[in-house]
Amino acid sequence: MRDPPMTDRPPDFSLDGASVLVTGGTGSFGQRFVEALLRLPRGPARVVVFSRDELKQFEMSRRPEFDDRRMRFFLGDVRDRDRLRRAFEGVDVVVHAAALKQVPAAEYNPFEFIKTNVLGAQNVIDSAMDTGVSRVLALSTDKAAAPINLYGATKLCSDKLFVAANASRGARTVRYSVVRYGNVLGSRGSVLHAFLARKASGVLQITDERMTRFNITLDQGVEQVLSMLGGMAGGEILVPRLRSFRVTDLARAVAPDCRLEMIGVRPGEKLHEEMITPSDSLRTARFDRHFVILPTSPVWDEANYLLERGGEMVPPGFHYASDTNPEWLDVEALRGLVEAHLARGSSPTGQP
């Protein structure tokens, strides 16, 4: 059963005939999102994949699901503002999914992550303002909430840049918003793939038996982004209401006969995912299927925003974390998700 739309108000924006650009379009999310765009009954007239890896673009272009006259592939890096401006010409909507994400690599190469995740975010903001883009939706991560590693810190900074951009757009009509979610089941580099790779060995490694995570599938992430594009006001950070799981339960769902080996929490790793901190609670509203962290500097009528969408402010001190979440996936439910993922295929687009 599909979740209802992320916003309760009818969308005031349509992708019908629009030009949509996806930064990081060859990544796990990017490919699945582009695939969904091409399947829309009244979809965009042009879909642009912007990324820096020519091999991934070539491989993506050869897949049948992307054999579409609306597809465009644009080589470039979000670090290069001039290249971004050229790519953004004639674009209506930008979904910003490009980022460096590996936590250990960030600790060893901090400024490389700053150049992509922070300076690259500002380049996206400036390029959108300069070229008449109407909406920019950036993908964030749970690690941006009370970050304890450099990757999370760069994504927190990126979130702040996108939110603040709404206050400095002047007479321009462009809107900037953020979607923040956590663990994506089956995405590249996820723990699911690590478990599947080690299943034959008879031993699965887990950092800590207490570890919990929120769960979201790639398809759910795509649906949330598509839905938010319709109702975004500009400046909000949307946080979906998800179910949690214990990492040990996921291991049992993947390989019930394997022994679990505890190896200790890695540097920069949290025991539990958190997406809304107690400090965020003062600016957070609850809706049926999601939360919204309102912009620090109001740029629109917040009371009307809540009234139109049926939201209410959460109590002070509210904390949204995977260990205290009331909604959980058990081993059987996780096994069903894993089987569905494997049935589609191991790659983001279902290719074996």
Protein backbone atom coordinates (compact mmCIF):
# COMPACT_ATOMS: atom_id res chain seq x y z
CA MET A 1 0.00 0.00 0.00
CA ARG A 2 1.36 3.40 -0.96
CA ASP A 3 1.78 6.16 1.58
CA PRO A 4 -0.47 9.19 1.02
CA PRO A 5 1.10 12.32 -0.47
CA MET A 6 3.61 14.11 1.74
CA THR A 7 1.54 17.31 1.61
CA ASP A 8 -2.18 17.52 2.34
CA ARG A 9 -2.72 20.54 0.11
CA PRO A 10 -3.19 20.02 -3.66
CA PRO A 11 0.09 20.70 -5.51
CA ASP A 12 0.39 24.20 -6.94
CA PHE A 13 3.07 23.18 -9.43
CA SER A 14 3.20 20.69 -12.27
CA LEU A 15 6.13 18.98 -13.96
CA ASP A 16 4.10 18.69 -17.17
CA GLY A 17 6.29 20.07 -19.95
CA ALA A 18 8.99 21.26 -17.52
CA SER A 19 12.74 20.90 -17.83
CA VAL A 20 14.18 19.02 -14.82
CA LEU A 21 17.87 18.70 -13.95
CA VAL A 22 19.24 16.23 -11.40
CA THR A 23 22.71 16.78 -9.99
CA GLY A 24 24.31 13.47 -9.10
CA GLY A 25 21.91 11.93 -11.58
CA THR A 26 23.94 8.74 -12.02
CA GLY A 27 23.81 7.86 -8.31
CA SER A 28 21.41 5.46 -6.60
CA PHE A 29 18.73 8.06 -5.97
CA GLY A 30 19.38 9.97 -9.18
CA GLN A 31 18.81 6.99 -11.46
CA ARG A 32 15.65 5.87 -9.69
CA PHE A 33 14.32 9.45 -9.68
CA VAL A 34 14.99 9.94 -13.39
CA GLU A 35 13.31 6.63 -14.12
CA ALA A 36 10.23 7.81 -12.20
CA LEU A 37 10.18 11.13 -14.06
CA LEU A 38 10.13 9.36 -17.41
CA ARG A 39 7.18 7.22 -16.30
CA LEU A 40 4.96 10.15 -15.26
CA PRO A 41 1.84 10.32 -17.43
CA ARG A 42 2.25 14.10 -17.70
CA GLY A 43 5.94 14.44 -17.14
CA PRO A 44 8.76 16.80 -18.04
CA ALA A 45 9.69 17.69 -21.61
CA ARG A 46 13.39 17.39 -20.82
CA VAL A 47 15.35 15.51 -18.15
CA VAL A 48 19.00 16.45 -17.63
CA VAL A 49 21.45 14.21 -15.78
CA PHE A 50 24.31 16.31 -14.43
CA SER A 51 27.28 14.36 -13.04
CA ARG A 52 31.05 14.15 -13.29
CA ASP A 53 31.54 10.48 -14.28
CA GLU A 54 31.38 9.93 -18.05
CA LEU A 55 31.47 6.14 -17.70
CA LYS A 56 28.40 6.08 -15.44
CA GLN A 57 26.61 8.41 -17.83
CA PHE A 58 27.48 6.15 -20.76
CA GLU A 59 26.31 3.03 -18.92
CA MET A 60 23.10 4.75 -17.84
CA SER A 61 22.37 5.95 -21.38
CA ARG A 62 22.64 2.35 -22.68
CA ARG A 63 19.91 1.02 -20.39
CA PRO A 64 16.49 0.58 -21.99
CA GLU A 65 14.61 2.46 -19.28
CA PHE A 66 16.57 5.60 -20.20
CA ASP A 67 16.21 5.23 -23.95
CA ASP A 68 14.02 8.31 -24.22
CA ARG A 69 14.23 11.34 -26.51
CA ARG A 70 13.75 13.61 -23.47
CA MET A 71 17.00 12.49 -21.86
CA ARG A 72 20.11 14.69 -21.80
CA PHE A 73 23.49 13.93 -20.22
CA PHE A 74 25.63 16.86 -19.10
CA LEU A 75 29.16 16.29 -17.78
CA GLY A 76 30.22 18.61 -15.01
CA ASP A 77 31.00 19.07 -11.33
CA VAL A 78 29.01 21.12 -8.83
CA ARG A 79 32.33 22.66 -7.80
CA ASP A 80 32.42 24.41 -11.21
CA ARG A 81 29.96 27.34 -11.07
CA ASP A 82 30.41 28.29 -14.73
CA ARG A 83 29.60 24.78 -15.87
CA LEU A 84 26.55 24.68 -13.59
CA ARG A 85 25.24 27.94 -15.03
CA ARG A 86 25.54 26.56 -18.53
CA ALA A 87 23.72 23.36 -17.49
CA PHE A 88 20.94 25.31 -15.74
CA GLU A 89 20.01 27.35 -18.84
CA GLY A 90 16.37 26.69 -19.69
CA VAL A 91 15.87 24.49 -16.59
CA ASP A 92 12.74 24.90 -14.46
CA VAL A 93 13.39 22.47 -11.59
CA VAL A 94 16.62 21.25 -9.99
CA VAL A 95 16.89 18.27 -7.65
CA HIS A 96 20.27 18.45 -5.96
CA ALA A 97 21.46 14.93 -5.12
CA ALA A 98 25.21 15.33 -5.77
CA ALA A 99 27.41 14.88 -2.70
CA LEU A 100 30.45 13.13 -1.30
CA LYS A 101 29.06 10.77 1.37
CA GLN A 102 31.57 8.30 2.80
CA VAL A 103 32.18 9.15 6.46
CA PRO A 104 35.75 7.75 6.79
CA ALA A 105 36.83 9.45 3.56
CA ALA A 106 35.51 12.76 4.87
CA GLU A 107 37.65 12.51 8.01
CA TYR A 108 40.77 11.94 5.89
CA ASN A 109 39.95 14.39 3.09
CA PRO A 110 37.92 17.10 4.83
CA PHE A 111 38.35 19.96 2.39
CA GLU A 112 37.38 17.78 -0.58
CA PHE A 113 34.02 17.24 1.12
CA ILE A 114 33.71 20.93 1.88
CA LYS A 115 34.36 21.82 -1.75
CA THR A 116 31.63 19.48 -3.01
CA ASN A 117 29.02 19.51 -0.25
CA VAL A 118 29.28 23.13 0.89
CA LEU A 119 30.81 25.20 -1.90
CA GLY A 120 29.00 23.04 -4.45
CA ALA A 121 25.70 23.73 -2.70
CA GLN A 122 26.31 27.48 -2.88
CA ASN A 123 27.15 27.12 -6.58
CA VAL A 124 23.80 25.40 -7.14
CA ILE A 125 22.02 28.20 -5.27
CA ASP A 126 23.76 30.98 -7.20
CA SER A 127 23.36 29.28 -10.57
CA ALA A 128 19.65 28.77 -10.02
CA MET A 129 19.19 32.45 -9.16
CA ASP A 130 21.17 33.55 -12.20
CA THR A 131 19.35 31.38 -14.74
CA GLY A 132 15.69 31.64 -13.73
CA VAL A 133 15.20 28.19 -12.18
CA SER A 134 11.89 28.14 -10.31
CA ARG A 135 12.46 25.40 -7.71
CA VAL A 136 15.47 23.72 -6.14
CA LEU A 137 15.03 20.75 -3.82
CA ALA A 138 18.17 19.48 -2.06
CA LEU A 139 18.62 16.04 -0.51
CA SER A 140 20.00 15.93 3.02
CA THR A 141 20.79 13.20 5.56
CA ASP A 142 20.10 12.28 9.16
CA LYS A 143 23.80 12.91 9.79
CA ALA A 144 23.12 16.65 9.42
CA ALA A 145 21.18 16.57 12.71
CA ALA A 146 23.63 17.17 15.58
CA PRO A 147 26.56 16.00 13.41
CA ILE A 148 29.48 14.14 14.98
CA ASN A 149 31.48 13.69 11.76
CA LEU A 150 32.65 16.00 9.01
CA TYR A 151 30.28 14.60 6.40
CA GLY A 152 27.31 15.43 8.63
CA ALA A 153 28.73 18.88 9.33
CA THR A 154 29.03 19.65 5.62
CA LYS A 155 25.43 18.56 5.02
CA LEU A 156 24.21 20.68 7.93
CA CYS A 157 26.00 23.63 6.38
CA SER A 158 24.45 22.80 3.00
CA ASP A 159 20.96 22.67 4.56
CA LYS A 160 21.51 26.08 6.15
CA LEU A 161 22.63 27.54 2.81
CA PHE A 162 19.53 26.31 0.96
CA VAL A 163 17.16 27.52 3.67
CA ALA A 164 18.82 30.95 3.93
CA ALA A 165 18.83 31.40 0.15
CA ASN A 166 15.07 32.08 0.28
CA ALA A 167 15.70 35.24 2.26
CA SER A 168 18.19 36.64 -0.26
CA ARG A 169 16.46 35.89 -3.55
CA GLY A 170 15.10 39.43 -3.89
CA ALA A 171 12.38 39.73 -6.53
CA ARG A 172 13.17 36.31 -7.97
CA THR A 173 10.51 33.63 -7.63
CA VAL A 174 12.90 30.71 -7.11
CA ARG A 175 12.23 28.52 -4.04
CA TYR A 176 14.78 26.41 -2.18
CA SER A 177 13.83 23.55 0.15
CA VAL A 178 15.39 20.42 1.66
CA VAL A 179 14.33 16.80 2.18
CA ARG A 180 16.12 15.01 5.02
CA TYR A 181 15.97 11.25 5.47
CA GLY A 182 18.20 8.51 6.77
CA ASN A 183 19.22 4.99 5.83
CA VAL A 184 18.12 4.02 2.30
CA LEU A 185 17.57 0.28 2.04
CA GLY A 186 19.70 -1.19 -0.71
CA SER A 187 21.39 2.01 -1.86
CA ARG A 188 25.01 1.81 -2.96
CA GLY A 189 27.26 1.08 0.03
CA SER A 190 24.37 0.26 2.38
CA VAL A 191 24.59 -2.32 5.17
CA LEU A 192 22.19 -4.57 3.23
CA HIS A 193 24.75 -5.02 0.46
CA ALA A 194 27.45 -5.70 3.06
CA PHE A 195 25.28 -8.42 4.61
CA LEU A 196 24.48 -9.98 1.25
CA ALA A 197 28.16 -10.02 0.29
CA ARG A 198 29.16 -11.82 3.50
CA LYS A 199 26.19 -14.19 3.72
CA ALA A 200 28.08 -17.13 2.21
CA SER A 201 30.83 -16.79 4.84
CA GLY A 202 28.43 -17.68 7.64
CA VAL A 203 29.38 -14.59 9.68
CA LEU A 204 27.86 -11.10 9.50
CA GLN A 205 29.71 -8.21 11.11
CA ILE A 206 27.75 -5.62 13.11
CA THR A 207 29.30 -2.67 14.87
CA ASP A 208 26.97 -2.77 17.90
CA GLU A 209 24.00 -4.95 18.78
CA ARG A 210 22.06 -1.91 20.06
CA MET A 211 22.25 -0.09 16.71
CA THR A 212 18.99 1.09 15.12
CA ARG A 213 18.19 2.88 11.88
CA PHE A 214 15.25 4.47 10.13
CA ASN A 215 14.20 2.70 6.98
CA ILE A 216 13.25 4.17 3.62
CA THR A 217 13.38 2.58 0.18
CA LEU A 218 14.60 4.33 -2.94
CA ASP A 219 11.06 4.34 -4.32
CA GLN A 220 9.73 5.98 -1.16
CA GLY A 221 12.46 8.60 -1.35
CA VAL A 222 11.53 9.33 -4.95
CA GLU A 223 7.83 9.66 -4.07
CA GLN A 224 8.65 12.11 -1.28
CA VAL A 225 10.72 14.30 -3.57
CA LEU A 226 8.07 14.30 -6.29
CA SER A 227 5.38 15.16 -3.77
CA MET A 228 7.35 17.93 -2.10
CA LEU A 229 8.13 19.59 -5.43
CA GLY A 230 4.41 20.21 -5.75
CA GLY A 231 3.84 21.89 -2.40
CA MET A 232 7.16 23.38 -1.28
CA ALA A 233 6.93 26.94 -0.01
CA GLY A 234 10.68 27.48 0.11
CA GLY A 235 12.84 27.34 3.22
CA GLU A 236 11.39 24.27 4.92
CA ILE A 237 13.23 21.03 5.72
CA LEU A 238 10.88 18.09 5.25
CA VAL A 239 11.48 14.98 7.38
CA PRO A 240 9.34 11.92 6.54
CA ARG A 241 7.80 9.86 9.31
CA LEU A 242 9.42 6.45 8.90
CA ARG A 243 9.62 3.11 10.63
CA SER A 244 12.74 2.00 12.48
CA PHE A 245 14.57 -1.31 12.54
CA ARG A 246 17.28 -2.96 14.57
CA VAL A 247 20.37 -3.77 12.54
CA THR A 248 20.50 -7.20 14.17
CA ASP A 249 16.96 -7.84 12.88
CA LEU A 250 18.03 -6.91 9.35
CA ALA A 251 20.91 -9.36 9.63
CA ARG A 252 18.50 -12.11 10.72
CA ALA A 253 16.19 -11.24 7.83
CA VAL A 254 19.03 -11.55 5.32
CA ALA A 255 20.79 -14.60 6.75
CA PRO A 256 19.01 -16.24 9.70
CA ASP A 257 21.64 -18.99 9.93
CA CYS A 258 24.66 -16.69 10.09
CA ARG A 259 26.56 -15.91 13.27
CA LEU A 260 26.62 -12.22 14.24
CA GLU A 261 30.03 -10.78 15.11
CA MET A 262 30.21 -7.46 16.99
CA ILE A 263 33.17 -5.35 15.84
CA GLY A 264 32.61 -2.04 17.67
CA VAL A 265 31.27 1.34 16.61
CA ARG A 266 33.38 3.04 13.96
CA PRO A 267 34.64 6.63 14.29
CA GLY A 268 31.94 9.12 13.34
CA GLU A 269 29.16 6.51 13.56
CA LYS A 270 26.07 6.95 15.74
CA LEU A 271 24.25 4.14 17.52
CA HIS A 272 20.92 5.62 16.43
CA GLU A 273 19.82 7.89 13.62
CA GLU A 274 18.25 11.20 14.58
CA MET A 275 16.55 13.55 12.18
CA ILE A 276 15.05 16.15 14.50
CA THR A 277 16.96 17.27 17.60
CA PRO A 278 15.40 18.81 20.72
CA SER A 279 16.84 22.14 19.59
CA ASP A 280 15.00 21.78 16.26
CA SER A 281 11.71 21.14 18.06
CA LEU A 282 11.04 24.84 18.61
CA ARG A 283 10.71 25.26 14.82
CA THR A 284 9.18 21.88 13.94
CA ALA A 285 5.61 21.10 12.86
CA ARG A 286 3.97 17.68 12.67
CA PHE A 287 1.79 16.53 9.77
CA ASP A 288 0.10 13.21 9.01
CA ARG A 289 3.04 11.65 7.16
CA HIS A 290 5.96 13.99 7.79
CA PHE A 291 7.53 16.73 9.89
CA VAL A 292 8.65 20.13 8.69
CA ILE A 293 11.46 22.15 10.27
CA LEU A 294 10.41 25.73 9.57
CA PRO A 295 12.99 28.28 8.40
CA THR A 296 14.83 30.11 11.16
CA SER A 297 14.05 33.47 9.53
CA PRO A 298 10.38 33.33 8.43
CA VAL A 299 9.90 34.07 4.73
CA TRP A 300 6.14 33.36 4.55
CA ASP A 301 3.06 33.21 6.79
CA GLU A 302 3.74 30.19 9.01
CA ALA A 303 0.29 30.16 10.62
CA ASN A 304 -1.34 29.98 7.20
CA TYR A 305 1.16 27.31 6.11
CA LEU A 306 0.11 25.10 9.04
CA LEU A 307 -3.58 25.81 8.54
CA GLU A 308 -3.54 24.97 4.81
CA ARG A 309 -1.65 21.72 5.33
CA GLY A 310 -3.22 20.58 8.58
CA GLY A 311 -0.09 20.77 10.74
CA GLU A 312 0.65 21.62 14.36
CA MET A 313 3.82 22.51 16.23
CA VAL A 314 5.48 19.72 18.18
CA PRO A 315 6.06 20.19 21.92
CA PRO A 316 9.36 21.74 23.06
CA GLY A 317 12.06 19.12 23.51
CA PHE A 318 10.58 16.78 20.89
CA HIS A 319 13.23 14.39 19.55
CA TYR A 320 12.82 12.24 16.44
CA ALA A 321 15.32 9.38 16.56
CA SER A 322 15.33 5.77 15.39
CA ASP A 323 15.59 4.26 18.89
CA THR A 324 12.61 6.14 20.36
CA ASN A 325 10.43 5.95 17.26
CA PRO A 326 7.07 4.22 18.03
CA GLU A 327 6.87 2.57 14.59
CA TRP A 328 9.08 -0.50 13.91
CA LEU A 329 9.81 -3.12 11.29
CA ASP A 330 10.20 -6.67 12.60
CA VAL A 331 12.30 -9.45 11.05
CA GLU A 332 9.46 -10.70 8.85
CA ALA A 333 8.70 -7.23 7.47
CA LEU A 334 12.40 -6.65 6.79
CA ARG A 335 12.64 -9.98 4.99
CA GLY A 336 9.82 -8.88 2.70
CA LEU A 337 11.62 -5.62 1.90
CA VAL A 338 14.87 -7.47 1.18
CA GLU A 339 13.10 -9.93 -1.11
CA ALA A 340 11.41 -7.07 -2.97
CA HIS A 341 14.77 -5.35 -3.38
CA LEU A 342 16.40 -8.49 -4.73
CA ALA A 343 13.49 -9.16 -7.08
CA ARG A 344 13.98 -5.76 -8.65
CA GLY A 345 17.72 -6.28 -8.98
CA SER A 346 20.81 -5.14 -7.10
CA SER A 347 21.34 -1.89 -9.01
CA PRO A 348 19.27 1.28 -8.54
CA THR A 349 17.49 0.66 -11.83
CA GLY A 350 16.83 -3.03 -11.41
CA GLN A 351 19.73 -4.29 -13.53
CA PRO A 352 21.49 -7.40 -12.18
